Each structure stands twice: as structure tokens, then as C-alpha cells.
Protein backbone atom coordinates (compact mmCIF):
# COMPACT_ATOMS: atom_id res chain seq x y z
CA UNK A 1 -36.21 131.27 21.41
CA UNK A 2 -32.87 129.68 21.41
CA UNK A 3 -29.95 130.89 23.21
CA UNK A 4 -26.69 129.57 22.17
CA UNK A 5 -22.87 129.54 23.50
CA UNK A 6 -23.87 131.16 26.94
CA UNK A 7 -21.96 130.99 30.38
CA UNK A 8 -25.29 129.70 32.18
CA UNK A 9 -25.40 129.93 35.92
CA UNK A 10 -28.69 128.24 36.37
CA UNK A 11 -28.73 128.67 40.55
CA UNK A 12 -30.02 125.12 40.83
CA UNK A 13 -26.76 123.74 41.37
CA UNK A 14 -25.39 123.34 37.67
CA UNK A 15 -23.43 125.58 35.23
CA UNK A 16 -22.76 125.17 31.75
CA UNK A 17 -19.58 127.01 30.73
CA UNK A 18 -20.66 126.54 26.97
CA UNK A 19 -24.60 125.98 27.02
CA UNK A 20 -27.85 126.65 25.32
CA UNK A 21 -31.71 127.45 26.54
CA UNK A 22 -34.55 126.65 24.51
CA UNK A 23 -37.77 128.45 25.26
CA UNK A 24 -41.20 127.46 24.19
CA UNK A 25 -44.65 129.14 25.02
CA UNK A 26 -42.74 131.48 27.48
CA UNK A 27 -41.25 128.36 29.35
CA UNK A 28 -37.95 127.07 29.51
CA UNK A 29 -38.40 123.78 27.68
CA UNK A 30 -34.63 122.50 27.63
CA UNK A 31 -31.27 123.45 29.05
CA UNK A 32 -27.95 121.97 28.67
CA UNK A 33 -24.36 121.66 27.19
CA UNK A 34 -24.10 123.00 23.59
CA UNK A 35 -22.72 119.43 22.93
CA UNK A 36 -26.11 117.92 23.70
CA UNK A 37 -28.27 120.54 21.75
CA UNK A 38 -28.71 118.53 18.39
CA UNK A 39 -29.69 115.66 20.65
CA UNK A 40 -31.87 117.29 22.91
CA UNK A 41 -33.80 119.10 20.38
CA UNK A 42 -33.91 116.70 17.72
CA UNK A 43 -37.20 116.96 15.61
CA UNK A 44 -37.63 120.48 16.24
CA UNK A 45 -37.23 122.69 13.14
CA UNK A 46 -34.54 125.87 13.49
CA UNK A 47 -37.46 127.70 11.59
CA UNK A 48 -39.52 127.46 14.57
CA UNK A 49 -37.01 129.24 16.76
CA UNK A 50 -37.13 133.02 16.54
CA UNK A 51 -34.96 134.39 17.53
CA UNK A 52 -32.11 132.69 17.85
CA UNK A 53 -29.14 134.62 20.45
CA UNK A 54 -25.98 133.64 20.31
CA UNK A 55 -24.20 135.07 23.05
CA UNK A 56 -20.65 134.06 22.43
CA UNK A 57 -19.83 133.52 26.46
CA UNK A 58 -21.85 136.19 27.91
CA UNK A 59 -23.23 135.32 31.33
CA UNK A 60 -26.69 133.84 31.25
CA UNK A 61 -28.62 133.86 34.19
CA UNK A 62 -32.21 133.76 35.96
CA UNK A 63 -33.75 137.12 35.73
CA UNK A 64 -32.89 138.83 39.06
CA UNK A 65 -35.39 139.44 41.93
CA UNK A 66 -35.65 142.10 44.41
CA UNK A 67 -37.45 141.00 47.30
CA UNK A 68 -38.34 144.31 48.97
CA UNK A 69 -38.99 147.22 47.27
CA UNK A 70 -41.61 150.05 46.58
CA UNK A 71 -41.56 150.14 42.98
CA UNK A 72 -44.99 151.58 41.20
CA UNK A 73 -46.34 152.36 44.65
CA UNK A 74 -44.15 155.01 45.55
CA UNK A 75 -43.45 156.60 42.23
CA UNK A 76 -40.01 158.07 41.46
CA UNK A 77 -40.77 161.34 39.97
CA UNK A 78 -44.06 162.56 41.25
CA UNK A 79 -43.52 163.23 45.26
CA UNK A 80 -46.48 163.13 47.40
CA UNK A 81 -48.89 162.76 44.53
CA UNK A 82 -47.21 159.69 43.55
CA UNK A 83 -46.84 158.16 46.71
CA UNK A 84 -49.55 155.60 47.82
CA UNK A 85 -46.84 153.55 50.35
CA UNK A 86 -48.63 154.44 53.48
CA UNK A 87 -52.13 155.24 54.75
CA UNK A 88 -50.90 157.36 57.72
CA UNK A 89 -54.48 157.79 59.03
CA UNK A 90 -54.66 154.73 61.15
CA UNK A 91 -51.98 152.27 62.72
CA UNK A 92 -53.83 149.13 61.78
CA UNK A 93 -54.60 148.45 58.01
CA UNK A 94 -54.31 144.70 56.94
CA UNK A 95 -56.90 145.02 54.37
CA UNK A 96 -55.06 147.28 52.22
CA UNK A 97 -53.69 145.92 49.07
CA UNK A 98 -50.57 147.27 47.12
CA UNK A 99 -52.13 145.94 43.90
CA UNK A 100 -54.84 148.80 44.07
CA UNK A 101 -52.20 151.54 44.25
CA UNK A 102 -49.08 150.24 42.00
CA UNK A 103 -48.69 152.03 38.80
CA UNK A 104 -46.95 149.89 35.93
CA UNK A 105 -46.02 153.28 34.22
CA UNK A 106 -43.69 153.96 37.08
CA UNK A 107 -40.16 154.67 35.03
CA UNK A 108 -38.49 152.58 37.75
CA UNK A 109 -39.96 149.41 36.39
CA UNK A 110 -38.16 150.11 33.48
CA UNK A 111 -34.94 150.98 35.35
CA UNK A 112 -35.55 147.45 36.67
CA UNK A 113 -35.48 145.92 33.35
CA UNK A 114 -32.27 147.75 32.13
CA UNK A 115 -30.52 145.99 35.29
CA UNK A 116 -31.69 142.52 34.35
CA UNK A 117 -34.32 142.63 37.03
CA UNK A 118 -37.46 140.66 35.99
CA UNK A 119 -39.52 140.48 39.05
CA UNK A 120 -40.12 142.18 42.56
CA UNK A 121 -41.80 142.08 45.69
CA UNK A 122 -43.67 145.31 46.09
CA UNK A 123 -45.80 146.80 48.54
CA UNK A 124 -46.82 149.02 51.63
CA UNK A 125 -44.26 150.87 53.65
CA UNK A 126 -43.43 151.01 57.20
CA UNK A 127 -45.41 153.95 58.92
CA UNK A 128 -48.10 151.34 60.09
CA UNK A 129 -47.75 148.36 62.65
CA UNK A 130 -49.88 146.46 60.13
CA UNK A 131 -49.54 148.27 56.65
CA UNK A 132 -51.42 145.96 54.38
CA UNK A 133 -50.62 143.44 51.30
CA UNK A 134 -47.72 143.28 49.54
CA UNK A 135 -47.72 141.61 46.10
CA UNK A 136 -45.12 139.73 43.86
CA UNK A 137 -45.23 140.48 40.08
CA UNK A 138 -43.03 140.71 36.96
CA UNK A 139 -41.66 144.33 35.92
CA UNK A 140 -43.14 144.38 32.29
CA UNK A 141 -46.47 145.19 31.25
CA UNK A 142 -49.46 147.83 31.48
CA UNK A 143 -52.02 146.07 33.48
CA UNK A 144 -50.62 145.04 37.02
CA UNK A 145 -53.11 142.34 36.97
CA UNK A 146 -51.62 140.42 34.16
CA UNK A 147 -48.13 141.15 35.73
CA UNK A 148 -49.05 139.36 38.88
CA UNK A 149 -47.29 136.30 40.27
CA UNK A 150 -48.68 136.11 43.75
CA UNK A 151 -50.97 138.39 45.57
CA UNK A 152 -51.03 138.72 48.48
CA UNK A 153 -47.66 137.52 48.52
CA UNK A 154 -47.13 138.81 52.34
CA UNK A 155 -48.66 141.11 55.12
CA UNK A 156 -46.34 143.86 55.88
CA UNK A 157 -45.89 144.84 59.58
CA UNK A 158 -43.54 147.29 61.11
CA UNK A 159 -41.30 147.41 64.26
CA UNK A 160 -39.21 150.47 65.96
CA UNK A 161 -39.05 154.19 64.92
CA UNK A 162 -41.18 154.38 62.06
CA UNK A 163 -44.81 153.29 63.68
CA UNK A 164 -43.62 155.18 66.95
CA UNK A 165 -42.77 158.29 65.28
CA UNK A 166 -45.64 158.54 62.73
CA UNK A 167 -48.23 158.06 65.39
CA UNK A 168 -46.63 159.06 68.85
CA UNK A 169 -46.22 162.60 67.30
CA UNK A 170 -49.98 162.69 66.73
CA UNK A 171 -50.79 161.55 70.52
CA UNK A 172 -51.89 157.98 69.40
CA UNK A 173 -50.63 155.01 69.93
CA UNK A 174 -47.99 153.16 69.15
CA UNK A 175 -45.93 155.71 71.45
CA UNK A 176 -43.68 152.69 72.41
CA UNK A 177 -42.23 149.43 71.35
CA UNK A 178 -44.57 147.87 73.95
CA UNK A 179 -47.63 149.19 72.13
CA UNK A 180 -46.44 147.99 68.63
CA UNK A 181 -45.90 144.58 69.76
CA UNK A 182 -49.02 144.55 71.62
CA UNK A 183 -51.19 146.10 68.78
CA UNK A 184 -49.63 143.52 66.53
CA UNK A 185 -50.67 140.42 69.07
CA UNK A 186 -54.05 141.88 69.26
CA UNK A 187 -54.79 141.48 65.66
CA UNK A 188 -53.43 138.38 65.74
CA UNK A 189 -55.39 137.12 68.43
CA UNK A 190 -58.30 138.47 66.87
CA UNK A 191 -57.59 136.80 63.52
CA UNK A 192 -56.98 133.52 65.42
CA UNK A 193 -60.30 133.61 67.02
CA UNK A 194 -61.95 134.54 63.82
CA UNK A 195 -60.58 131.84 62.03
CA UNK A 196 -61.65 129.11 64.37
CA UNK A 197 -65.03 130.53 64.21
CA UNK A 198 -65.24 130.62 60.62
CA UNK A 199 -63.92 126.96 60.64
CA UNK A 200 -66.64 125.80 62.62
CA UNK A 201 -69.12 127.55 60.48
CA UNK A 202 -70.18 129.98 63.23
CA UNK A 203 -69.87 133.23 61.04
CA UNK A 204 -72.48 133.78 58.57
CA UNK A 205 -71.42 135.28 55.22
CA UNK A 206 -72.77 138.87 55.78
CA UNK A 207 -70.86 138.66 59.03
CA UNK A 208 -67.34 138.21 57.57
CA UNK A 209 -64.90 140.85 58.64
CA UNK A 210 -62.95 142.08 55.88
CA UNK A 211 -59.95 143.31 57.94
CA UNK A 212 -59.45 139.79 59.63
CA UNK A 213 -59.98 138.03 56.43
CA UNK A 214 -56.55 139.27 55.53
CA UNK A 215 -55.27 137.42 58.23
CA UNK A 216 -56.24 133.73 56.72
CA UNK A 217 -53.47 133.14 54.47
CA UNK A 218 -51.18 134.11 56.87
CA UNK A 219 -52.32 131.95 59.72
CA UNK A 220 -52.68 129.08 57.08
CA UNK A 221 -49.26 129.37 56.49
CA UNK A 222 -49.49 130.31 52.87
CA UNK A 223 -47.67 133.91 53.16
CA UNK A 224 -45.60 135.27 55.82
CA UNK A 225 -45.47 138.29 57.88
CA UNK A 226 -43.01 140.61 56.09
CA UNK A 227 -41.50 142.50 59.23
CA UNK A 228 -39.70 145.61 58.65
CA UNK A 229 -37.22 145.92 61.26
CA UNK A 230 -33.61 147.02 62.14
CA UNK A 231 -32.46 146.80 65.75
CA UNK A 232 -31.35 143.55 67.63
CA UNK A 233 -34.40 143.63 70.08
CA UNK A 234 -36.66 144.39 67.44
CA UNK A 235 -35.81 141.60 65.45
CA UNK A 236 -36.23 139.39 68.47
CA UNK A 237 -39.37 140.92 69.25
CA UNK A 238 -40.42 139.93 66.00
CA UNK A 239 -39.66 136.32 66.36
CA UNK A 240 -41.19 136.06 69.49
CA UNK A 241 -44.58 137.12 68.23
CA UNK A 242 -44.06 134.86 65.17
CA UNK A 243 -43.57 131.80 67.31
CA UNK A 244 -46.52 132.46 69.75
CA UNK A 245 -48.73 132.68 66.87
CA UNK A 246 -46.78 129.82 64.71
CA UNK A 247 -46.88 132.07 61.47
CA UNK A 248 -44.10 132.52 58.99
CA UNK A 249 -41.80 135.67 58.88
CA UNK A 250 -39.11 137.18 56.90
CA UNK A 251 -36.78 139.71 58.42
CA UNK A 252 -36.73 142.78 56.15
CA UNK A 253 -33.64 145.18 56.46
CA UNK A 254 -32.80 143.19 59.52
CA UNK A 255 -29.72 146.12 59.94
CA UNK A 256 -28.51 144.85 63.33
CA UNK A 257 -29.02 140.90 62.39
CA UNK A 258 -25.24 140.34 62.58
CA UNK A 259 -25.50 141.12 66.35
CA UNK A 260 -28.23 138.32 67.06
CA UNK A 261 -27.40 135.73 63.82
CA UNK A 262 -27.49 132.78 66.24
CA UNK A 263 -31.06 133.57 67.44
CA UNK A 264 -32.19 134.17 64.17
CA UNK A 265 -30.64 130.93 63.00
CA UNK A 266 -32.39 129.09 65.78
CA UNK A 267 -35.79 130.76 64.62
CA UNK A 268 -35.36 129.43 60.94
CA UNK A 269 -36.79 132.59 59.61
CA UNK A 270 -34.80 134.06 56.41
CA UNK A 271 -33.39 137.63 56.17
CA UNK A 272 -33.87 140.44 53.52
CA UNK A 273 -30.94 142.26 53.85
CA UNK A 274 -30.43 146.11 52.91
CA UNK A 275 -30.54 148.82 51.80
CA UNK A 276 -26.69 149.06 52.67
CA UNK A 277 -26.21 151.73 50.16
CA UNK A 278 -28.77 154.37 52.01
CA UNK A 279 -27.72 156.73 54.77
CA UNK A 280 -27.62 156.26 58.05
CA UNK A 281 -30.58 158.56 58.68
CA UNK A 282 -32.21 157.22 62.16
CA UNK A 283 -30.58 156.07 65.23
CA UNK A 284 -31.90 152.49 64.63
CA UNK A 285 -29.65 152.05 61.36
CA UNK A 286 -26.41 153.43 62.94
CA UNK A 287 -24.91 150.06 62.57
CA UNK A 288 -25.59 149.26 59.24
CA UNK A 289 -23.07 147.79 57.32
CA UNK A 290 -22.42 145.47 54.00
CA UNK A 291 -21.00 143.00 56.39
CA UNK A 292 -24.34 141.58 57.55
CA UNK A 293 -25.18 139.98 54.88
CA UNK A 294 -21.99 137.73 55.03
CA UNK A 295 -22.10 137.06 58.82
CA UNK A 296 -25.53 135.89 58.42
CA UNK A 297 -24.53 133.42 55.75
CA UNK A 298 -21.80 132.02 57.88
CA UNK A 299 -24.32 131.45 60.27
CA UNK A 300 -26.67 129.40 58.01
CA UNK A 301 -29.10 131.75 57.63
CA UNK A 302 -30.71 132.34 54.23
CA UNK A 303 -30.34 135.76 53.07
CA UNK A 304 -31.75 138.04 49.70
CA UNK A 305 -30.76 141.49 49.09
CA UNK A 306 -32.83 144.32 48.66
CA UNK A 307 -33.04 147.73 47.03
CA UNK A 308 -35.94 149.26 48.85
CA UNK A 309 -36.61 151.29 46.04
CA UNK A 310 -36.66 154.39 45.69
CA UNK A 311 -34.62 154.42 49.04
CA UNK A 312 -31.77 152.82 46.79
CA UNK A 313 -32.52 153.10 43.08
CA UNK A 314 -33.76 149.42 41.99
CA UNK A 315 -31.37 149.15 38.67
CA UNK A 316 -28.66 148.80 40.69
CA UNK A 317 -29.70 145.80 42.75
CA UNK A 318 -26.81 143.53 41.76
CA UNK A 319 -24.18 146.25 42.75
CA UNK A 320 -25.38 146.08 46.28
CA UNK A 321 -25.24 142.23 46.25
CA UNK A 322 -21.66 142.78 45.06
CA UNK A 323 -20.63 145.16 47.55
CA UNK A 324 -22.03 142.52 50.28
CA UNK A 325 -19.56 140.31 48.44
CA UNK A 326 -16.62 142.62 49.08
CA UNK A 327 -17.66 142.81 52.80
CA UNK A 328 -17.61 139.18 53.25
CA UNK A 329 -20.27 137.48 51.48
CA UNK A 330 -19.57 134.48 49.17
CA UNK A 331 -19.59 135.24 45.61
CA UNK A 332 -22.03 132.39 44.94
CA UNK A 333 -24.64 133.24 48.01
CA UNK A 334 -24.44 136.90 46.27
CA UNK A 335 -25.69 135.68 43.17
CA UNK A 336 -28.29 133.40 44.95
CA UNK A 337 -29.33 136.67 47.13
CA UNK A 338 -30.91 138.22 44.27
CA UNK A 339 -32.30 135.17 42.33
CA UNK A 340 -32.99 131.88 43.71
CA UNK A 341 -33.06 132.66 47.65
CA UNK A 342 -35.23 135.78 46.95
CA UNK A 343 -37.63 133.29 44.91
CA UNK A 344 -37.95 130.85 47.93
CA UNK A 345 -38.23 133.87 50.36
CA UNK A 346 -41.02 135.43 48.49
CA UNK A 347 -42.92 131.94 48.03
CA UNK A 348 -42.44 131.91 44.04
CA UNK A 349 -39.39 129.52 43.74
CA UNK A 350 -41.72 126.97 41.47
CA UNK A 351 -42.04 129.51 38.54
CA UNK A 352 -38.87 131.73 39.02
CA UNK A 353 -35.49 132.40 40.38
CA UNK A 354 -33.50 129.62 38.59
CA UNK A 355 -33.09 128.18 35.30
CA UNK A 356 -34.93 125.01 35.26
CA UNK A 357 -37.05 122.96 32.53
CA UNK A 358 -40.71 124.24 33.29
CA UNK A 359 -40.26 127.36 34.85
CA UNK A 360 -40.99 130.81 33.42
CA UNK A 361 -38.45 131.71 30.89
CA UNK A 362 -37.31 135.02 32.77
CA UNK A 363 -33.60 135.40 31.58
CA UNK A 364 -30.97 137.97 32.24
CA UNK A 365 -27.83 138.09 29.93
CA UNK A 366 -24.73 140.16 30.97
CA UNK A 367 -21.31 140.79 29.65
CA UNK A 368 -19.81 139.45 33.07
CA UNK A 369 -21.13 138.86 36.31
CA UNK A 370 -23.81 141.20 37.12
CA UNK A 371 -22.41 142.01 40.62
CA UNK A 372 -19.09 144.11 38.85
CA UNK A 373 -19.35 147.80 38.24
CA UNK A 374 -18.81 147.39 34.43
CA UNK A 375 -21.06 144.72 33.52
CA UNK A 376 -23.92 145.39 31.04
CA UNK A 377 -26.91 143.90 30.52
CA UNK A 378 -27.24 142.72 27.03
CA UNK A 379 -30.60 141.11 27.32
CA UNK A 380 -33.74 141.13 29.70
CA UNK A 381 -35.98 138.52 28.83
CA UNK A 382 -39.46 137.96 30.63
CA UNK A 383 -42.08 134.81 29.83
CA UNK A 384 -39.63 134.28 26.88
CA UNK A 385 -39.72 137.67 25.15
CA UNK A 386 -36.86 139.97 24.85
CA UNK A 387 -38.00 143.25 26.68
CA UNK A 388 -34.82 145.11 26.54
CA UNK A 389 -31.48 144.45 24.93
CA UNK A 390 -28.45 146.59 25.20
CA UNK A 391 -28.45 149.89 23.20
CA UNK A 392 -32.27 150.38 23.72
């Protein structure tokens, strides 16, 4: 594939006002200014380039990324029959894997493609203190196994009203925020002890603990705890627990993050903000605002924007970023929040999130800045193949 005459925003520090991208074997093979085209591609016959897309000044960007959603695991159409997001029979379920419940036939995957979104972090919901393992995946395909980029990609944990309400109403723990934090600590402590014994060779193969094995990539720093939280004191509790056990953490939703921005900055943990377009349906989101992302950026915190689909529809992810820009987030950071920042926070920056040689050819081409209301998606390209073009 050859993309010509694009206004290319690489999200890697370079913009080519009139540039090209050459794709080979599903990877970006060359990128640069149109003036360099013939020199960079000398020796490559044009007949081998199929298709050749002359986009005539259109915006060319890395495929957009939704860093927090429930696409495929909470199906849009089917109500309870298609909702596998939360295992509400037990508050601690670290061994559950989202990959086992994602339906790639969920129409939301195609809606994502129409919006120029090429990959997502999807996984368990927030009913449980520990909900299970999330997965980072492409949005095109019939087999989840072939769509996955990283699994597990995070271990979901939750603070605040959701675990309290779900289990407190049944007369079970957790009934309080103290219990939420206490149960999380207890499992992390067990996992640390288990890991130490395993490394010493003190755990025979037949005595391996399937639940505690789920914490090993977290304790080894390979994946983060993905924390659902809204209120300022829940944010600080999550940071406190993560520091105690020296693990990575992403602060998801982070609705009152603007109230404790200095503390978040000190922690070094990134934020996945949103969904600002949803209703203030419970007490803990009463301070929800599109201003939060801009305040966090000003404090020097890395921010991504989420849809939380189906809470807010995934197709309009770039518009949510645009509303954050309207309320104070910088234009550049708005674009980064749905591309390279999201990739870095999700731990997949080596393969996607920016347009650079060697990375997957996940490309979105728009009539204009995708954060503008009237912008159309011209092409969505995943692994070097056109999976959508305007008019489909």
C-alpha cells in the first residue's frame, strides 16, 4: 500500500504537511515528505503497490485507541444475554479472562472502525474488588485469538460505590471502602508470598494456585492494576496500595483527579479520563467535567481519553477528546490522548499508537481533525488492509 499527499500527523514528534506512507507486509516500511518519495522508494516497482491512495491533503493519523471500554464483553444489543462484563457472584475473581467472553461479532467493533479506531483495551467491569484480566486487541476479525495484541494487558480492580453496592446489598464484604482496600491488600499479600515461594522452588507444579498466578505479571511489572475510581479519596487509596506493593497502576475514570492533581503527579501513575459524556448517575461522579483532562495535563500527568463503551458510544471517541480540548486540554494532547498516550499507558507503544517505521500499519485517514464534529473518516486501515472507507 502507498498513501500519497497526506497531511500526516505521526504523533511521534513529526508532521508532514504533504507526505507519504509506504506499507509492506502489514507494517509501516517508509514515511516522509512527498519530496523524498522517489529517493526513499527507489527500486520498488509501482505495480507492487496495491492500493495507491492519493488522499489529497486529508488528515492521516495512527489508528485511534480506546484505552478503556467493554466492547464485545458487554454487547450493545442483547441486554443480560450478551452481558458478560461482571461475575457478580464473588467479589474477588482475578483468574477470569476477558478474552473468554469477548464476542467479535458485537456491532460496536464495526462502529469503532467507522470512527477510525483500530484497537482497544477491553475487559471486566467494576462490580468486583478484583474483576479479572483485560485484553488489548485490534477491532477487525472473527477470532479474538487472532485480534489480540496483549493478553493479559491489565488486571482490573475497583474502588468506591460499585463493589460496595453490589456486595453490601447482599450482606457480603465489601460493605465499606475500608473493606475494598483491605480485600485488595489481602490478595496482593497472598500473591507476594506465593511468588516468593514459587521463585524458591517451594511450590510443586500440582500445587500451583490458579487465582494467585494471575497476579504474577502484575508483581513482575509487566502489566498494571487497572483501577476503576472516581472520588479523590479513592484515587489516593489506590495510589497508597500500589506504592505498598510496588506495582504499576492506571487511574481509570479519575473523575475527581483535578482535585488531587499534585498527588497524582507525585505518584507517576497515568490517567485514563472519562467518560465525560455520560450522566451523573451516582454520587461519586457529581464533580464530573471535561475540564479534568486539561487540568491533569497542566500538572504534567500523562492522560488518555476513554469511551467506556457502552456507557458512551465508542464511535465518538475523538469527539470526547475534542470536548476535553474545548474545556482546556491542548489540541496536541487531545490527539495524543487517543493515540500515542493511550498506547503507552496500555503498554503497546512498540507496535501501535504512532506512525513510525516498523510499527503495525494501523492508520486512520480523516477529512479534517477527527476531534471536529463534521469530520468524516475516509479510510480505516488495520495491519495494512483497508477495513473501512467512507461510503461503505
